[in-house]
Amino acid sequence: MPVYEFLCTACDSRYDDLVGINESLTDQRCPDCASTEVEKLVSSFRSKVQQGTGDSILVNGHLPGPSSPGSSRAGGCCGGSCGAC
């Protein structure tokens, strides 16, 4: 089952929930205030892939790190605070 992140627009609470394949994302209730006014958030992800002789960590599908001259990439995934950079 995938884990989704949600934001309650009634009380600004953020929470995550395991959602089964047959469950609807619209059936969510905030665990703090029981409101059904929740939005699914876009979550970041991290995966490890092997390229050549070494391993690389991809964050949101991109290699983290500072942008090189002429590159349109911004800095690392979150400025280096996640430890992947």
PDB file of N, CA and C in Angstrom:
ATOM      1  N   MET A   1       0.840  -1.180   0.000  1.00  0.00           N
ATOM      2  CA  MET A   1       0.000   0.000   0.000  1.00  0.00           C
ATOM      3  C   MET A   1       0.885   1.244   0.000  1.00  0.00           C
ATOM      4  N   PRO A   2       0.552   2.206  -0.831  1.00  0.00           N
ATOM      5  CA  PRO A   2       1.341   3.445  -0.849  1.00  0.00           C
ATOM      6  C   PRO A   2       1.014   4.345   0.332  1.00  0.00           C
ATOM      7  N   VAL A   3       2.005   5.122   0.742  1.00  0.00           N
ATOM      8  CA  VAL A   3       1.830   6.116   1.787  1.00  0.00           C
ATOM      9  C   VAL A   3       1.672   7.468   1.111  1.00  0.00           C
ATOM     10  N   TYR A   4       0.614   8.170   1.445  1.00  0.00           N
ATOM     11  CA  TYR A   4       0.360   9.495   0.902  1.00  0.00           C
ATOM     12  C   TYR A   4       0.440  10.523   2.021  1.00  0.00           C
ATOM     13  N   GLU A   5       0.856  11.740   1.677  1.00  0.00           N
ATOM     14  CA  GLU A   5       0.859  12.847   2.624  1.00  0.00           C
ATOM     15  C   GLU A   5      -0.353  13.723   2.342  1.00  0.00           C
ATOM     16  N   PHE A   6      -0.969  14.212   3.413  1.00  0.00           N
ATOM     17  CA  PHE A   6      -2.162  15.037   3.289  1.00  0.00           C
ATOM     18  C   PHE A   6      -2.008  16.299   4.122  1.00  0.00           C
ATOM     19  N   LEU A   7      -2.741  17.342   3.722  1.00  0.00           N
ATOM     20  CA  LEU A   7      -2.828  18.594   4.464  1.00  0.00           C
ATOM     21  C   LEU A   7      -4.296  18.867   4.722  1.00  0.00           C
ATOM     22  N   CYS A   8      -4.633  19.087   5.994  1.00  0.00           N
ATOM     23  CA  CYS A   8      -5.995  19.457   6.350  1.00  0.00           C
ATOM     24  C   CYS A   8      -6.119  20.966   6.189  1.00  0.00           C
ATOM     25  N   THR A   9      -7.035  21.396   5.327  1.00  0.00           N
ATOM     26  CA  THR A   9      -7.208  22.834   5.108  1.00  0.00           C
ATOM     27  C   THR A   9      -8.038  23.488   6.211  1.00  0.00           C
ATOM     28  N   ALA A  10      -8.656  22.685   7.061  1.00  0.00           N
ATOM     29  CA  ALA A  10      -9.447  23.237   8.163  1.00  0.00           C
ATOM     30  C   ALA A  10      -8.560  23.618   9.352  1.00  0.00           C
ATOM     31  N   CYS A  11      -7.529  22.778   9.653  1.00  0.00           N
ATOM     32  CA  CYS A  11      -6.703  23.057  10.836  1.00  0.00           C
ATOM     33  C   CYS A  11      -5.207  23.133  10.522  1.00  0.00           C
ATOM     34  N   ASP A  12      -4.818  23.064   9.241  1.00  0.00           N
ATOM     35  CA  ASP A  12      -3.422  23.132   8.783  1.00  0.00           C
ATOM     36  C   ASP A  12      -2.547  21.992   9.307  1.00  0.00           C
ATOM     37  N   SER A  13      -3.146  20.884   9.652  1.00  0.00           N
ATOM     38  CA  SER A  13      -2.393  19.715  10.115  1.00  0.00           C
ATOM     39  C   SER A  13      -1.889  18.926   8.904  1.00  0.00           C
ATOM     40  N   ARG A  14      -0.648  18.437   8.980  1.00  0.00           N
ATOM     41  CA  ARG A  14      -0.096  17.561   7.940  1.00  0.00           C
ATOM     42  C   ARG A  14       0.010  16.164   8.522  1.00  0.00           C
ATOM     43  N   TYR A  15      -0.369  15.168   7.735  1.00  0.00           N
ATOM     44  CA  TYR A  15      -0.281  13.789   8.195  1.00  0.00           C
ATOM     45  C   TYR A  15      -0.085  12.875   6.994  1.00  0.00           C
ATOM     46  N   ASP A  16       0.342  11.655   7.250  1.00  0.00           N
ATOM     47  CA  ASP A  16       0.477  10.676   6.182  1.00  0.00           C
ATOM     48  C   ASP A  16      -0.382   9.469   6.530  1.00  0.00           C
ATOM     49  N   ASP A  17      -0.775   8.733   5.485  1.00  0.00           N
ATOM     50  CA  ASP A  17      -1.680   7.616   5.676  1.00  0.00           C
ATOM     51  C   ASP A  17      -1.399   6.550   4.629  1.00  0.00           C
ATOM     52  N   LEU A  18      -1.504   5.291   5.045  1.00  0.00           N
ATOM     53  CA  LEU A  18      -1.447   4.172   4.108  1.00  0.00           C
ATOM     54  C   LEU A  18      -2.802   4.086   3.418  1.00  0.00           C
ATOM     55  N   VAL A  19      -2.807   4.079   2.106  1.00  0.00           N
ATOM     56  CA  VAL A  19      -4.059   4.041   1.362  1.00  0.00           C
ATOM     57  C   VAL A  19      -4.061   2.793   0.493  1.00  0.00           C
ATOM     58  N   GLY A  20      -5.031   1.937   0.723  1.00  0.00           N
ATOM     59  CA  GLY A  20      -5.140   0.700  -0.048  1.00  0.00           C
ATOM     60  C   GLY A  20      -5.514   0.978  -1.495  1.00  0.00           C
ATOM     61  N   ILE A  21      -5.278   0.011  -2.344  1.00  0.00           N
ATOM     62  CA  ILE A  21      -5.537   0.167  -3.777  1.00  0.00           C
ATOM     63  C   ILE A  21      -7.010   0.430  -4.038  1.00  0.00           C
ATOM     64  N   ASN A  22      -7.888  -0.205  -3.285  1.00  0.00           N
ATOM     65  CA  ASN A  22      -9.326  -0.047  -3.499  1.00  0.00           C
ATOM     66  C   ASN A  22      -9.922   1.113  -2.711  1.00  0.00           C
ATOM     67  N   GLU A  23      -9.110   1.819  -1.927  1.00  0.00           N
ATOM     68  CA  GLU A  23      -9.607   2.948  -1.143  1.00  0.00           C
ATOM     69  C   GLU A  23      -9.541   4.228  -1.964  1.00  0.00           C
ATOM     70  N   SER A  24     -10.492   5.110  -1.730  1.00  0.00           N
ATOM     71  CA  SER A  24     -10.514   6.397  -2.418  1.00  0.00           C
ATOM     72  C   SER A  24      -9.748   7.430  -1.600  1.00  0.00           C
ATOM     73  N   LEU A  25      -8.997   8.266  -2.272  1.00  0.00           N
ATOM     74  CA  LEU A  25      -8.280   9.336  -1.581  1.00  0.00           C
ATOM     75  C   LEU A  25      -9.238  10.399  -1.063  1.00  0.00           C
ATOM     76  N   THR A  26     -10.459  10.428  -1.572  1.00  0.00           N
ATOM     77  CA  THR A  26     -11.434  11.428  -1.137  1.00  0.00           C
ATOM     78  C   THR A  26     -12.113  11.030   0.176  1.00  0.00           C
ATOM     79  N   ASP A  27     -11.858   9.828   0.677  1.00  0.00           N
ATOM     80  CA  ASP A  27     -12.461   9.375   1.933  1.00  0.00           C
ATOM     81  C   ASP A  27     -11.605   9.720   3.145  1.00  0.00           C
ATOM     82  N   GLN A  28     -10.627  10.591   2.980  1.00  0.00           N
ATOM     83  CA  GLN A  28      -9.711  10.927   4.068  1.00  0.00           C
ATOM     84  C   GLN A  28     -10.360  11.822   5.105  1.00  0.00           C
ATOM     85  N   ARG A  29      -9.996  11.611   6.372  1.00  0.00           N
ATOM     86  CA  ARG A  29     -10.402  12.471   7.488  1.00  0.00           C
ATOM     87  C   ARG A  29      -9.162  12.862   8.260  1.00  0.00           C
ATOM     88  N   CYS A  30      -9.072  14.120   8.617  1.00  0.00           N
ATOM     89  CA  CYS A  30      -7.954  14.615   9.409  1.00  0.00           C
ATOM     90  C   CYS A  30      -7.961  13.919  10.775  1.00  0.00           C
ATOM     91  N   PRO A  31      -6.821  13.369  11.198  1.00  0.00           N
ATOM     92  CA  PRO A  31      -6.784  12.703  12.503  1.00  0.00           C
ATOM     93  C   PRO A  31      -6.874  13.682  13.674  1.00  0.00           C
ATOM     94  N   ASP A  32      -6.614  14.975  13.439  1.00  0.00           N
ATOM     95  CA  ASP A  32      -6.659  15.958  14.521  1.00  0.00           C
ATOM     96  C   ASP A  32      -8.048  16.565  14.731  1.00  0.00           C
ATOM     97  N   CYS A  33      -8.717  16.937  13.611  1.00  0.00           N
ATOM     98  CA  CYS A  33     -10.009  17.624  13.761  1.00  0.00           C
ATOM     99  C   CYS A  33     -11.169  16.875  13.102  1.00  0.00           C
ATOM    100  N   ALA A  34     -10.904  15.753  12.448  1.00  0.00           N
ATOM    101  CA  ALA A  34     -11.900  14.905  11.780  1.00  0.00           C
ATOM    102  C   ALA A  34     -12.543  15.563  10.561  1.00  0.00           C
ATOM    103  N   SER A  35     -11.969  16.645  10.074  1.00  0.00           N
ATOM    104  CA  SER A  35     -12.500  17.306   8.888  1.00  0.00           C
ATOM    105  C   SER A  35     -12.206  16.459   7.645  1.00  0.00           C
ATOM    106  N   THR A  36     -13.070  16.567   6.664  1.00  0.00           N
ATOM    107  CA  THR A  36     -12.842  15.901   5.383  1.00  0.00           C
ATOM    108  C   THR A  36     -12.245  16.861   4.358  1.00  0.00           C
ATOM    109  N   GLU A  37     -11.922  18.083   4.788  1.00  0.00           N
ATOM    110  CA  GLU A  37     -11.321  19.084   3.904  1.00  0.00           C
ATOM    111  C   GLU A  37      -9.808  18.874   3.876  1.00  0.00           C
ATOM    112  N   VAL A  38      -9.375  17.849   3.151  1.00  0.00           N
ATOM    113  CA  VAL A  38      -7.947  17.523   3.081  1.00  0.00           C
ATOM    114  C   VAL A  38      -7.493  17.515   1.630  1.00  0.00           C
ATOM    115  N   GLU A  39      -6.218  17.839   1.430  1.00  0.00           N
ATOM    116  CA  GLU A  39      -5.610  17.827   0.102  1.00  0.00           C
ATOM    117  C   GLU A  39      -4.444  16.866   0.111  1.00  0.00           C
ATOM    118  N   LYS A  40      -4.298  16.102  -0.962  1.00  0.00           N
ATOM    119  CA  LYS A  40      -3.139  15.219  -1.097  1.00  0.00           C
ATOM    120  C   LYS A  40      -1.959  16.077  -1.511  1.00  0.00           C
ATOM    121  N   LEU A  41      -0.827  15.911  -0.828  1.00  0.00           N
ATOM    122  CA  LEU A  41       0.372  16.678  -1.131  1.00  0.00           C
ATOM    123  C   LEU A  41       1.286  15.896  -2.059  1.00  0.00           C
ATOM    124  N   VAL A  42       2.127  16.602  -2.780  1.00  0.00           N
ATOM    125  CA  VAL A  42       3.143  15.975  -3.613  1.00  0.00           C
ATOM    126  C   VAL A  42       4.342  15.700  -2.715  1.00  0.00           C
ATOM    127  N   SER A  43       4.702  14.450  -2.601  1.00  0.00           N
ATOM    128  CA  SER A  43       5.780  14.042  -1.708  1.00  0.00           C
ATOM    129  C   SER A  43       7.083  13.892  -2.472  1.00  0.00           C
ATOM    130  N   SER A  44       8.176  14.229  -1.819  1.00  0.00           N
ATOM    131  CA  SER A  44       9.480  13.973  -2.428  1.00  0.00           C
ATOM    132  C   SER A  44       9.829  12.508  -2.207  1.00  0.00           C
ATOM    133  N   PHE A  45      10.723  11.993  -3.023  1.00  0.00           N
ATOM    134  CA  PHE A  45      11.130  10.611  -2.867  1.00  0.00           C
ATOM    135  C   PHE A  45      12.622  10.499  -3.097  1.00  0.00           C
ATOM    136  N   ARG A  46      13.166   9.396  -2.689  1.00  0.00           N
ATOM    137  CA  ARG A  46      14.593   9.152  -2.829  1.00  0.00           C
ATOM    138  C   ARG A  46      14.771   7.716  -3.262  1.00  0.00           C
ATOM    139  N   SER A  47      15.632   7.485  -4.244  1.00  0.00           N
ATOM    140  CA  SER A  47      15.889   6.130  -4.682  1.00  0.00           C
ATOM    141  C   SER A  47      17.372   5.954  -4.960  1.00  0.00           C
ATOM    142  N   LYS A  48      17.835   4.747  -4.834  1.00  0.00           N
ATOM    143  CA  LYS A  48      19.240   4.433  -5.073  1.00  0.00           C
ATOM    144  C   LYS A  48      19.325   3.652  -6.375  1.00  0.00           C
ATOM    145  N   VAL A  49      20.165   4.129  -7.281  1.00  0.00           N
ATOM    146  CA  VAL A  49      20.362   3.443  -8.555  1.00  0.00           C
ATOM    147  C   VAL A  49      21.843   3.204  -8.761  1.00  0.00           C
ATOM    148  N   GLN A  50      22.159   2.185  -9.514  1.00  0.00           N
ATOM    149  CA  GLN A  50      23.555   1.883  -9.784  1.00  0.00           C
ATOM    150  C   GLN A  50      23.877   2.331 -11.200  1.00  0.00           C
ATOM    151  N   GLN A  51      24.916   3.160 -11.318  1.00  0.00           N
ATOM    152  CA  GLN A  51      25.353   3.649 -12.616  1.00  0.00           C
ATOM    153  C   GLN A  51      26.842   3.356 -12.743  1.00  0.00           C
ATOM    154  N   GLY A  52      27.204   2.508 -13.659  1.00  0.00           N
ATOM    155  CA  GLY A  52      28.620   2.197 -13.845  1.00  0.00           C
ATOM    156  C   GLY A  52      29.187   1.456 -12.650  1.00  0.00           C
ATOM    157  N   THR A  53      30.267   1.999 -12.088  1.00  0.00           N
ATOM    158  CA  THR A  53      30.937   1.308 -10.990  1.00  0.00           C
ATOM    159  C   THR A  53      30.479   1.759  -9.619  1.00  0.00           C
ATOM    160  N   GLY A  54      29.746   2.864  -9.518  1.00  0.00           N
ATOM    161  CA  GLY A  54      29.345   3.376  -8.207  1.00  0.00           C
ATOM    162  C   GLY A  54      27.849   3.525  -8.085  1.00  0.00           C
ATOM    163  N   ASP A  55      27.404   3.752  -6.883  1.00  0.00           N
ATOM    164  CA  ASP A  55      25.983   3.979  -6.631  1.00  0.00           C
ATOM    165  C   ASP A  55      25.713   5.475  -6.605  1.00  0.00           C
ATOM    166  N   SER A  56      24.538   5.865  -7.033  1.00  0.00           N
ATOM    167  CA  SER A  56      24.114   7.257  -6.985  1.00  0.00           C
ATOM    168  C   SER A  56      22.767   7.322  -6.292  1.00  0.00           C
ATOM    169  N   ILE A  57      22.524   8.401  -5.609  1.00  0.00           N
ATOM    170  CA  ILE A  57      21.231   8.630  -4.973  1.00  0.00           C
ATOM    171  C   ILE A  57      20.482   9.649  -5.820  1.00  0.00           C
ATOM    172  N   LEU A  58      19.276   9.288  -6.231  1.00  0.00           N
ATOM    173  CA  LEU A  58      18.434  10.210  -6.973  1.00  0.00           C
ATOM    174  C   LEU A  58      17.383  10.762  -6.032  1.00  0.00           C
ATOM    175  N   VAL A  59      17.185  12.062  -6.050  1.00  0.00           N
ATOM    176  CA  VAL A  59      16.168  12.705  -5.243  1.00  0.00           C
ATOM    177  C   VAL A  59      15.190  13.359  -6.207  1.00  0.00           C
ATOM    178  N   ASN A  60      13.931  12.953  -6.117  1.00  0.00           N
ATOM    179  CA  ASN A  60      12.904  13.411  -7.060  1.00  0.00           C
ATOM    180  C   ASN A  60      13.339  13.160  -8.500  1.00  0.00           C
ATOM    181  N   GLY A  61      14.049  12.067  -8.724  1.00  0.00           N
ATOM    182  CA  GLY A  61      14.447  11.681 -10.065  1.00  0.00           C
ATOM    183  C   GLY A  61      15.672  12.388 -10.600  1.00  0.00           C
ATOM    184  N   HIS A  62      16.351  13.213  -9.769  1.00  0.00           N
ATOM    185  CA  HIS A  62      17.520  13.964 -10.210  1.00  0.00           C
ATOM    186  C   HIS A  62      18.693  13.711  -9.268  1.00  0.00           C
ATOM    187  N   LEU A  63      19.887  13.853  -9.779  1.00  0.00           N
ATOM    188  CA  LEU A  63      21.067  13.777  -8.928  1.00  0.00           C
ATOM    189  C   LEU A  63      21.158  15.048  -8.101  1.00  0.00           C
ATOM    190  N   PRO A  64      21.243  14.945  -6.776  1.00  0.00           N
ATOM    191  CA  PRO A  64      21.339  16.148  -5.954  1.00  0.00           C
ATOM    192  C   PRO A  64      22.714  16.776  -6.050  1.00  0.00           C
ATOM    193  N   GLY A  65      22.808  17.996  -5.624  1.00  0.00           N
ATOM    194  CA  GLY A  65      24.096  18.682  -5.594  1.00  0.00           C
ATOM    195  C   GLY A  65      23.982  20.060  -6.202  1.00  0.00           C
ATOM    196  N   PRO A  66      25.017  20.863  -6.023  1.00  0.00           N
ATOM    197  CA  PRO A  66      24.963  22.210  -6.571  1.00  0.00           C
ATOM    198  C   PRO A  66      24.928  22.189  -8.084  1.00  0.00           C
ATOM    199  N   SER A  67      24.334  23.192  -8.664  1.00  0.00           N
ATOM    200  CA  SER A  67      24.290  23.246 -10.121  1.00  0.00           C
ATOM    201  C   SER A  67      25.649  23.661 -10.666  1.00  0.00           C
ATOM    202  N   SER A  68      25.938  23.114 -11.790  1.00  0.00           N
ATOM    203  CA  SER A  68      27.206  23.445 -12.437  1.00  0.00           C
ATOM    204  C   SER A  68      26.976  24.606 -13.390  1.00  0.00           C
ATOM    205  N   PRO A  69      28.033  25.321 -13.774  1.00  0.00           N
ATOM    206  CA  PRO A  69      27.854  26.434 -14.705  1.00  0.00           C
ATOM    207  C   PRO A  69      27.159  25.977 -15.976  1.00  0.00           C
ATOM    208  N   GLY A  70      26.160  26.730 -16.383  1.00  0.00           N
ATOM    209  CA  GLY A  70      25.417  26.391 -17.595  1.00  0.00           C
ATOM    210  C   GLY A  70      24.298  25.401 -17.351  1.00  0.00           C
ATOM    211  N   SER A  71      24.148  24.934 -16.128  1.00  0.00           N
ATOM    212  CA  SER A  71      23.094  23.976 -15.817  1.00  0.00           C
ATOM    213  C   SER A  71      21.854  24.721 -15.365  1.00  0.00           C
ATOM    214  N   SER A  72      20.678  24.171 -15.683  1.00  0.00           N
ATOM    215  CA  SER A  72      19.440  24.799 -15.237  1.00  0.00           C
ATOM    216  C   SER A  72      18.982  24.229 -13.902  1.00  0.00           C
ATOM    217  N   ARG A  73      19.719  23.252 -13.366  1.00  0.00           N
ATOM    218  CA  ARG A  73      19.341  22.653 -12.086  1.00  0.00           C
ATOM    219  C   ARG A  73      19.614  23.607 -10.955  1.00  0.00           C
ATOM    220  N   ALA A  74      18.729  23.594  -9.987  1.00  0.00           N
ATOM    221  CA  ALA A  74      18.981  24.349  -8.762  1.00  0.00           C
ATOM    222  C   ALA A  74      19.892  23.509  -7.880  1.00  0.00           C
ATOM    223  N   GLY A  75      20.146  23.961  -6.668  1.00  0.00           N
ATOM    224  CA  GLY A  75      20.996  23.231  -5.733  1.00  0.00           C
ATOM    225  C   GLY A  75      20.411  21.885  -5.380  1.00  0.00           C
ATOM    226  N   GLY A  76      20.927  21.257  -4.344  1.00  0.00           N
ATOM    227  CA  GLY A  76      20.510  19.920  -3.944  1.00  0.00           C
ATOM    228  C   GLY A  76      19.040  19.854  -3.621  1.00  0.00           C
ATOM    229  N   CYS A  77      18.618  18.692  -3.205  1.00  0.00           N
ATOM    230  CA  CYS A  77      17.198  18.433  -3.000  1.00  0.00           C
ATOM    231  C   CYS A  77      16.571  19.421  -2.019  1.00  0.00           C
ATOM    232  N   CYS A  78      17.277  19.745  -0.971  1.00  0.00           N
ATOM    233  CA  CYS A  78      16.718  20.678   0.018  1.00  0.00           C
ATOM    234  C   CYS A  78      17.833  21.512   0.617  1.00  0.00           C
ATOM    235  N   GLY A  79      18.818  21.829  -0.160  1.00  0.00           N
ATOM    236  CA  GLY A  79      19.891  22.670   0.326  1.00  0.00           C
ATOM    237  C   GLY A  79      20.932  21.930   1.133  1.00  0.00           C
ATOM    238  N   GLY A  80      20.896  20.612   1.110  1.00  0.00           N
ATOM    239  CA  GLY A  80      21.907  19.830   1.808  1.00  0.00           C
ATOM    240  C   GLY A  80      21.514  19.359   3.192  1.00  0.00           C
ATOM    241  N   SER A  81      20.353  19.754   3.682  1.00  0.00           N
ATOM    242  CA  SER A  81      19.991  19.373   5.046  1.00  0.00           C
ATOM    243  C   SER A  81      19.499  17.937   5.165  1.00  0.00           C
ATOM    244  N   CYS A  82      19.223  17.275   4.045  1.00  0.00           N
ATOM    245  CA  CYS A  82      18.719  15.894   4.138  1.00  0.00           C
ATOM    246  C   CYS A  82      19.835  14.876   4.205  1.00  0.00           C
ATOM    247  N   GLY A  83      21.071  15.270   3.941  1.00  0.00           N
ATOM    248  CA  GLY A  83      22.193  14.341   4.017  1.00  0.00           C
ATOM    249  C   GLY A  83      22.474  13.619   2.713  1.00  0.00           C
ATOM    250  N   ALA A  84      21.615  13.779   1.703  1.00  0.00           N
ATOM    251  CA  ALA A  84      21.837  13.116   0.415  1.00  0.00           C
ATOM    252  C   ALA A  84      22.797  13.901  -0.458  1.00  0.00           C
ATOM    253  N   CYS A  85      23.026  15.158  -0.133  1.00  0.00           N
ATOM    254  CA  CYS A  85      23.879  16.014  -0.959  1.00  0.00           C
ATOM    255  C   CYS A  85      25.325  15.945  -0.512  1.00  0.00           C
TER     256      CYS A  85
END
